[in-house]
C-alpha atoms as a PDB file:
ATOM      1  CA  MET A   1     -26.377 107.436  79.974  1.00  0.00           C
ATOM      2  CA  ALA A   2     -29.208 109.358  78.148  1.00  0.00           C
ATOM      3  CA  ALA A   3     -29.611 108.576  74.444  1.00  0.00           C
ATOM      4  CA  SER A   4     -29.123 112.136  73.966  1.00  0.00           C
ATOM      5  CA  THR A   5     -25.648 111.999  75.158  1.00  0.00           C
ATOM      6  CA  ALA A   6     -24.546 108.221  74.058  1.00  0.00           C
ATOM      7  CA  HIS A   7     -22.436 109.595  71.201  1.00  0.00           C
ATOM      8  CA  LEU A   8     -20.543 112.965  73.216  1.00  0.00           C
ATOM      9  CA  PRO A   9     -16.956 111.780  74.284  1.00  0.00           C
ATOM     10  CA  LEU A  10     -16.552 111.052  77.841  1.00  0.00           C
ATOM     11  CA  VAL A  11     -14.522 112.538  80.752  1.00  0.00           C
ATOM     12  CA  VAL A  12     -14.441 110.320  83.508  1.00  0.00           C
ATOM     13  CA  GLY A  13     -13.830 111.873  87.035  1.00  0.00           C
ATOM     14  CA  ILE A  14     -12.141 110.259  89.726  1.00  0.00           C
ATOM     15  CA  GLY A  15     -12.240 111.540  93.457  1.00  0.00           C
ATOM     16  CA  GLY A  16     -13.505 111.868  96.814  1.00  0.00           C
ATOM     17  CA  THR A  17     -13.582 110.509 100.181  1.00  0.00           C
ATOM     18  CA  ILE A  18     -15.623 107.457 101.801  1.00  0.00           C
ATOM     19  CA  GLY A  19     -18.211 108.394 104.584  1.00  0.00           C
ATOM     20  CA  GLY A  20     -20.278 110.835 102.358  1.00  0.00           C
ATOM     21  CA  VAL A  21     -19.895 113.501  99.978  1.00  0.00           C
ATOM     22  CA  SER A  22     -16.252 115.385 100.481  1.00  0.00           C
ATOM     23  CA  SER A  23     -14.878 118.997  99.510  1.00  0.00           C
ATOM     24  CA  THR A  24     -13.169 117.090  97.201  1.00  0.00           C
ATOM     25  CA  GLU A  25     -16.308 115.219  95.369  1.00  0.00           C
ATOM     26  CA  ARG A  26     -17.629 118.984  94.985  1.00  0.00           C
ATOM     27  CA  ALA A  27     -14.501 120.357  93.358  1.00  0.00           C
ATOM     28  CA  LEU A  28     -14.457 117.666  91.003  1.00  0.00           C
ATOM     29  CA  ARG A  29     -18.096 117.842  90.058  1.00  0.00           C
ATOM     30  CA  ILE A  30     -17.812 121.852  89.360  1.00  0.00           C
ATOM     31  CA  ALA A  31     -15.037 120.565  86.758  1.00  0.00           C
ATOM     32  CA  LEU A  32     -16.582 117.797  84.964  1.00  0.00           C
ATOM     33  CA  ASP A  33     -19.940 120.108  84.962  1.00  0.00           C
ATOM     34  CA  ALA A  34     -17.610 122.552  82.788  1.00  0.00           C
ATOM     35  CA  ALA A  35     -16.380 119.665  80.572  1.00  0.00           C
ATOM     36  CA  GLU A  36     -20.537 118.661  80.092  1.00  0.00           C
ATOM     37  CA  ARG A  37     -20.894 122.891  79.075  1.00  0.00           C
ATOM     38  CA  GLU A  38     -17.935 121.925  76.458  1.00  0.00           C
ATOM     39  CA  GLY A  39     -20.031 119.113  74.813  1.00  0.00           C
ATOM     40  CA  PHE A  40     -18.549 116.072  76.915  1.00  0.00           C
ATOM     41  CA  GLN A  41     -20.685 113.385  78.718  1.00  0.00           C
ATOM     42  CA  THR A  42     -19.038 112.989  82.136  1.00  0.00           C
ATOM     43  CA  ARG A  43     -19.106 110.068  84.733  1.00  0.00           C
ATOM     44  CA  MET A  44     -17.856 111.051  88.272  1.00  0.00           C
ATOM     45  CA  PHE A  45     -16.579 107.623  90.303  1.00  0.00           C
ATOM     46  CA  GLY A  46     -16.853 109.240  94.063  1.00  0.00           C
ATOM     47  CA  GLY A  47     -16.089 108.081  97.445  1.00  0.00           C
ATOM     48  CA  ALA A  48     -19.138 105.557  97.374  1.00  0.00           C
ATOM     49  CA  ASP A  49     -18.442 103.934  94.229  1.00  0.00           C
ATOM     50  CA  MET A  50     -14.272 103.833  95.094  1.00  0.00           C
ATOM     51  CA  ALA A  51     -15.255 102.342  98.585  1.00  0.00           C
ATOM     52  CA  ARG A  52     -16.787  99.440  96.612  1.00  0.00           C
ATOM     53  CA  LEU A  53     -13.524  98.740  95.017  1.00  0.00           C
ATOM     54  CA  PRO A  54     -11.577  96.083  97.057  1.00  0.00           C
ATOM     55  CA  LEU A  55      -7.777  96.561  97.634  1.00  0.00           C
ATOM     56  CA  TYR A  56      -6.082  95.969  94.077  1.00  0.00           C
ATOM     57  CA  ASP A  57      -4.822  92.423  93.454  1.00  0.00           C
ATOM     58  CA  PRO A  58      -2.611  92.200  90.497  1.00  0.00           C
ATOM     59  CA  LYS A  59      -3.143  88.270  91.036  1.00  0.00           C
ATOM     60  CA  CYS A  60      -6.926  88.135  90.556  1.00  0.00           C
ATOM     61  CA  SER A  61      -8.030  88.245  87.538  1.00  0.00           C
ATOM     62  CA  ASP A  62     -11.875  87.644  88.167  1.00  0.00           C
ATOM     63  CA  ARG A  63     -13.154  91.628  88.891  1.00  0.00           C
ATOM     64  CA  ASN A  64     -16.279  92.817  90.542  1.00  0.00           C
ATOM     65  CA  GLU A  65     -19.050  94.602  88.515  1.00  0.00           C
ATOM     66  CA  HIS A  66     -17.971  97.652  90.332  1.00  0.00           C
ATOM     67  CA  GLU A  67     -14.113  97.221  89.031  1.00  0.00           C
ATOM     68  CA  ARG A  68     -15.639  96.118  85.671  1.00  0.00           C
ATOM     69  CA  ALA A  69     -17.647  99.261  85.294  1.00  0.00           C
ATOM     70  CA  PHE A  70     -14.362 101.531  86.630  1.00  0.00           C
ATOM     71  CA  VAL A  71     -12.175  99.992  83.908  1.00  0.00           C
ATOM     72  CA  ASP A  72     -14.824 100.180  81.005  1.00  0.00           C
ATOM     73  CA  ALA A  73     -15.216 104.047  81.768  1.00  0.00           C
ATOM     74  CA  ILE A  74     -11.492 104.438  81.482  1.00  0.00           C
ATOM     75  CA  ARG A  75     -11.223 102.702  78.336  1.00  0.00           C
ATOM     76  CA  ALA A  76     -14.622 104.383  77.143  1.00  0.00           C
ATOM     77  CA  ALA A  77     -12.962 108.052  78.063  1.00  0.00           C
ATOM     78  CA  SER A  78     -11.727 110.699  76.012  1.00  0.00           C
ATOM     79  CA  ALA A  79     -10.265 112.820  79.310  1.00  0.00           C
ATOM     80  CA  VAL A  80      -9.780 112.008  82.847  1.00  0.00           C
ATOM     81  CA  ILE A  81     -10.125 114.497  85.618  1.00  0.00           C
ATOM     82  CA  ILE A  82      -8.714 113.325  89.274  1.00  0.00           C
ATOM     83  CA  ALA A  83      -9.103 114.836  92.243  1.00  0.00           C
ATOM     84  CA  SER A  84      -7.510 113.832  95.637  1.00  0.00           C
ATOM     85  CA  PRO A  85      -7.715 114.883  99.632  1.00  0.00           C
ATOM     86  CA  GLY A  86      -4.146 115.453 100.261  1.00  0.00           C
ATOM     87  CA  TYR A  87      -3.484 113.045 103.010  1.00  0.00           C
ATOM     88  CA  HIS A  88      -0.285 113.174 104.870  1.00  0.00           C
ATOM     89  CA  GLY A  89       1.180 114.580 102.358  1.00  0.00           C
ATOM     90  CA  SER A  90       0.172 112.569  99.298  1.00  0.00           C
ATOM     91  CA  ILE A  91      -3.073 111.268  97.994  1.00  0.00           C
ATOM     92  CA  SER A  92      -5.447 109.523  99.627  1.00  0.00           C
ATOM     93  CA  GLY A  93      -5.678 105.233  99.679  1.00  0.00           C
ATOM     94  CA  VAL A  94      -9.047 104.679  97.937  1.00  0.00           C
ATOM     95  CA  VAL A  95      -7.779 106.745  94.846  1.00  0.00           C
ATOM     96  CA  LYS A  96      -4.667 105.184  94.776  1.00  0.00           C
ATOM     97  CA  ASN A  97      -6.517 101.862  94.472  1.00  0.00           C
ATOM     98  CA  ALA A  98      -8.586 103.028  92.324  1.00  0.00           C
ATOM     99  CA  LEU A  99      -5.841 103.870  89.552  1.00  0.00           C
ATOM    100  CA  ASP A 100      -3.816 100.716  90.200  1.00  0.00           C
ATOM    101  CA  LEU A 101      -7.060  98.850  88.811  1.00  0.00           C
ATOM    102  CA  LEU A 102      -6.142 100.680  85.496  1.00  0.00           C
ATOM    103  CA  GLU A 103      -3.133  97.647  85.241  1.00  0.00           C
ATOM    104  CA  ASP A 104      -5.973  95.656  84.020  1.00  0.00           C
ATOM    105  CA  THR A 105      -5.573  97.985  80.784  1.00  0.00           C
ATOM    106  CA  ALA A 106      -1.981  97.080  80.338  1.00  0.00           C
ATOM    107  CA  ARG A 107      -2.286  94.760  77.333  1.00  0.00           C
ATOM    108  CA  ASP A 108      -5.079  97.328  75.654  1.00  0.00           C
ATOM    109  CA  ASP A 109      -4.393  99.198  72.109  1.00  0.00           C
ATOM    110  CA  ARG A 110      -4.864 102.463  74.682  1.00  0.00           C
ATOM    111  CA  PRO A 111      -3.093 101.503  77.883  1.00  0.00           C
ATOM    112  CA  TYR A 112      -3.252 103.003  81.072  1.00  0.00           C
ATOM    113  CA  LEU A 113      -4.263 106.567  80.405  1.00  0.00           C
ATOM    114  CA  ALA A 114      -2.084 106.694  77.173  1.00  0.00           C
ATOM    115  CA  ASP A 115      -2.261 109.532  75.294  1.00  0.00           C
ATOM    116  CA  MET A 116      -5.362 111.247  77.353  1.00  0.00           C
ATOM    117  CA  PRO A 117      -5.494 114.700  79.122  1.00  0.00           C
ATOM    118  CA  VAL A 118      -5.948 114.459  82.397  1.00  0.00           C
ATOM    119  CA  GLY A 119      -6.925 117.071  84.742  1.00  0.00           C
ATOM    120  CA  LEU A 120      -5.859 117.095  88.725  1.00  0.00           C
ATOM    121  CA  ILE A 121      -7.238 118.873  91.575  1.00  0.00           C
ATOM    122  CA  ALA A 122      -6.016 118.937  95.424  1.00  0.00           C
ATOM    123  CA  THR A 123      -7.854 119.806  98.541  1.00  0.00           C
ATOM    124  CA  ALA A 124      -6.499 119.645 101.832  1.00  0.00           C
ATOM    125  CA  TYR A 125      -6.524 121.364 105.314  1.00  0.00           C
ATOM    126  CA  GLY A 126      -3.969 123.489 104.698  1.00  0.00           C
ATOM    127  CA  TRP A 127      -1.417 124.542 101.787  1.00  0.00           C
ATOM    128  CA  GLN A 128       1.332 122.079 102.310  1.00  0.00           C
ATOM    129  CA  ALA A 129      -0.497 118.844 101.158  1.00  0.00           C
ATOM    130  CA  THR A 130      -1.867 120.279  98.202  1.00  0.00           C
ATOM    131  CA  GLY A 131       1.450 120.793  96.335  1.00  0.00           C
ATOM    132  CA  SER A 132       2.789 117.533  97.353  1.00  0.00           C
ATOM    133  CA  THR A 133      -0.599 116.102  96.692  1.00  0.00           C
ATOM    134  CA  ILE A 134      -0.532 117.503  92.930  1.00  0.00           C
ATOM    135  CA  ALA A 135       2.922 116.696  92.330  1.00  0.00           C
ATOM    136  CA  ALA A 136       1.996 112.982  93.480  1.00  0.00           C
ATOM    137  CA  LEU A 137      -0.870 113.290  91.038  1.00  0.00           C
ATOM    138  CA  ARG A 138       1.615 114.462  88.156  1.00  0.00           C
ATOM    139  CA  SER A 139       3.920 111.979  88.620  1.00  0.00           C
ATOM    140  CA  ILE A 140       1.010 109.055  88.733  1.00  0.00           C
ATOM    141  CA  VAL A 141      -0.236 110.374  85.463  1.00  0.00           C
ATOM    142  CA  HIS A 142       3.188 110.399  83.306  1.00  0.00           C
ATOM    143  CA  ALA A 143       3.767 106.556  84.726  1.00  0.00           C
ATOM    144  CA  LEU A 144       0.265 105.686  83.104  1.00  0.00           C
ATOM    145  CA  ARG A 145       1.554 107.766  80.120  1.00  0.00           C
ATOM    146  CA  GLY A 146      -1.073 110.610  80.393  1.00  0.00           C
ATOM    147  CA  TRP A 147      -0.817 114.036  80.021  1.00  0.00           C
ATOM    148  CA  PRO A 148      -1.552 116.370  83.123  1.00  0.00           C
ATOM    149  CA  THR A 149      -3.146 119.488  81.557  1.00  0.00           C
ATOM    150  CA  PRO A 150      -1.116 122.498  82.509  1.00  0.00           C
ATOM    151  CA  PHE A 151      -3.480 123.805  85.006  1.00  0.00           C
ATOM    152  CA  ALA A 152      -4.356 121.690  88.451  1.00  0.00           C
ATOM    153  CA  ALA A 153      -6.077 123.279  91.400  1.00  0.00           C
ATOM    154  CA  ALA A 154      -4.820 123.331  94.894  1.00  0.00           C
ATOM    155  CA  ILE A 155      -7.798 124.115  96.951  1.00  0.00           C
ATOM    156  CA  ASN A 156      -7.026 124.825 100.777  1.00  0.00           C
ATOM    157  CA  THR A 157     -10.440 123.888 102.585  1.00  0.00           C
ATOM    158  CA  GLN A 158      -9.601 125.787 105.715  1.00  0.00           C
ATOM    159  CA  ILE A 159     -10.317 129.056 103.188  1.00  0.00           C
ATOM    160  CA  THR A 160     -12.566 127.776 100.545  1.00  0.00           C
ATOM    161  CA  LYS A 161     -16.110 125.817 101.746  1.00  0.00           C
ATOM    162  CA  PHE A 162     -17.956 124.257  98.775  1.00  0.00           C
ATOM    163  CA  ASP A 163     -22.034 124.288  98.960  1.00  0.00           C
ATOM    164  CA  ASP A 164     -25.011 121.533  98.454  1.00  0.00           C
ATOM    165  CA  GLU A 165     -25.504 123.719  95.209  1.00  0.00           C
ATOM    166  CA  GLY A 166     -22.338 123.187  93.721  1.00  0.00           C
ATOM    167  CA  GLY A 167     -20.566 126.399  94.321  1.00  0.00           C
ATOM    168  CA  ALA A 168     -17.752 127.431  96.895  1.00  0.00           C
ATOM    169  CA  SER A 169     -17.299 130.446  98.887  1.00  0.00           C
ATOM    170  CA  ASP A 170     -14.033 131.779  96.738  1.00  0.00           C
ATOM    171  CA  PRO A 171     -15.415 132.530  93.053  1.00  0.00           C
ATOM    172  CA  ALA A 172     -11.646 132.339  92.074  1.00  0.00           C
ATOM    173  CA  VAL A 173     -11.678 128.402  93.092  1.00  0.00           C
ATOM    174  CA  VAL A 174     -14.846 127.714  91.099  1.00  0.00           C
ATOM    175  CA  GLU A 175     -12.939 129.324  88.006  1.00  0.00           C
ATOM    176  CA  GLN A 176     -10.091 127.448  88.338  1.00  0.00           C
ATOM    177  CA  LEU A 177     -11.866 124.049  88.351  1.00  0.00           C
ATOM    178  CA  ALA A 178     -14.068 125.123  85.314  1.00  0.00           C
ATOM    179  CA  LEU A 179     -10.646 125.975  83.856  1.00  0.00           C
ATOM    180  CA  ILE A 180      -9.912 122.447  84.321  1.00  0.00           C
ATOM    181  CA  GLY A 181     -12.800 121.116  83.161  1.00  0.00           C
ATOM    182  CA  ARG A 182     -12.622 123.406  80.012  1.00  0.00           C
ATOM    183  CA  GLN A 183      -8.821 122.402  79.433  1.00  0.00           C
ATOM    184  CA  VAL A 184      -9.491 118.595  79.337  1.00  0.00           C
ATOM    185  CA  ALA A 185     -12.643 118.927  77.239  1.00  0.00           C
ATOM    186  CA  ARG A 186     -10.541 121.235  74.960  1.00  0.00           C
ATOM    187  CA  PHE A 187      -6.910 118.506  74.456  1.00  0.00           C
ATOM    188  CA  ALA A 188      -9.148 115.725  74.280  1.00  0.00           C
ATOM    189  CA  PRO A 189      -9.826 115.741  70.450  1.00  0.00           C
ATOM    190  CA  LEU A 190      -5.716 115.987  70.138  1.00  0.00           C
ATOM    191  CA  ALA A 191      -5.643 112.260  71.668  1.00  0.00           C
ATOM    192  CA  THR A 192      -7.694 110.675  69.706  1.00  0.00           C
ATOM    193  CA  ASN A 193      -6.251 112.427  66.481  1.00  0.00           C
END
């Protein structure tokens, strides 16, 4: 964290796939960039980060450095954006595993994602899995006491292609992702009042 951004509120991004930078991670980055433009610092836990998290064990109290860094970032966050590929009609295992780790916050003054705005993004190769993945994410966020933002982005990667420069082939998709970043940034102050 740079000294110039240390005082800024934090938006944490969770999402991606194991095995390289994915369209899900690229979509998440666009949303986080929009939150940065609203005056927030961001931290992304992409596929490579989530691959370092062992399978969640509720009986284990000895967490590794990657698990502690993830949970500490959520504890410090003012808002969260979750992006998941749609695998077999629902969220990916690595995203779910990361979210399961939030059980470590159960006894905190602010448990889980309580009172935080949470932006949602689903990517899939086709439309069917995007809708069911968004629905699953909304249900999980509600269970974690968070507030899903009014807009969620469902992206069909059969149609929309992301590039290495932080853009996408469909400007409307880029705007939808930016809207998610703006919404979590705008709603975050409500959670701290």
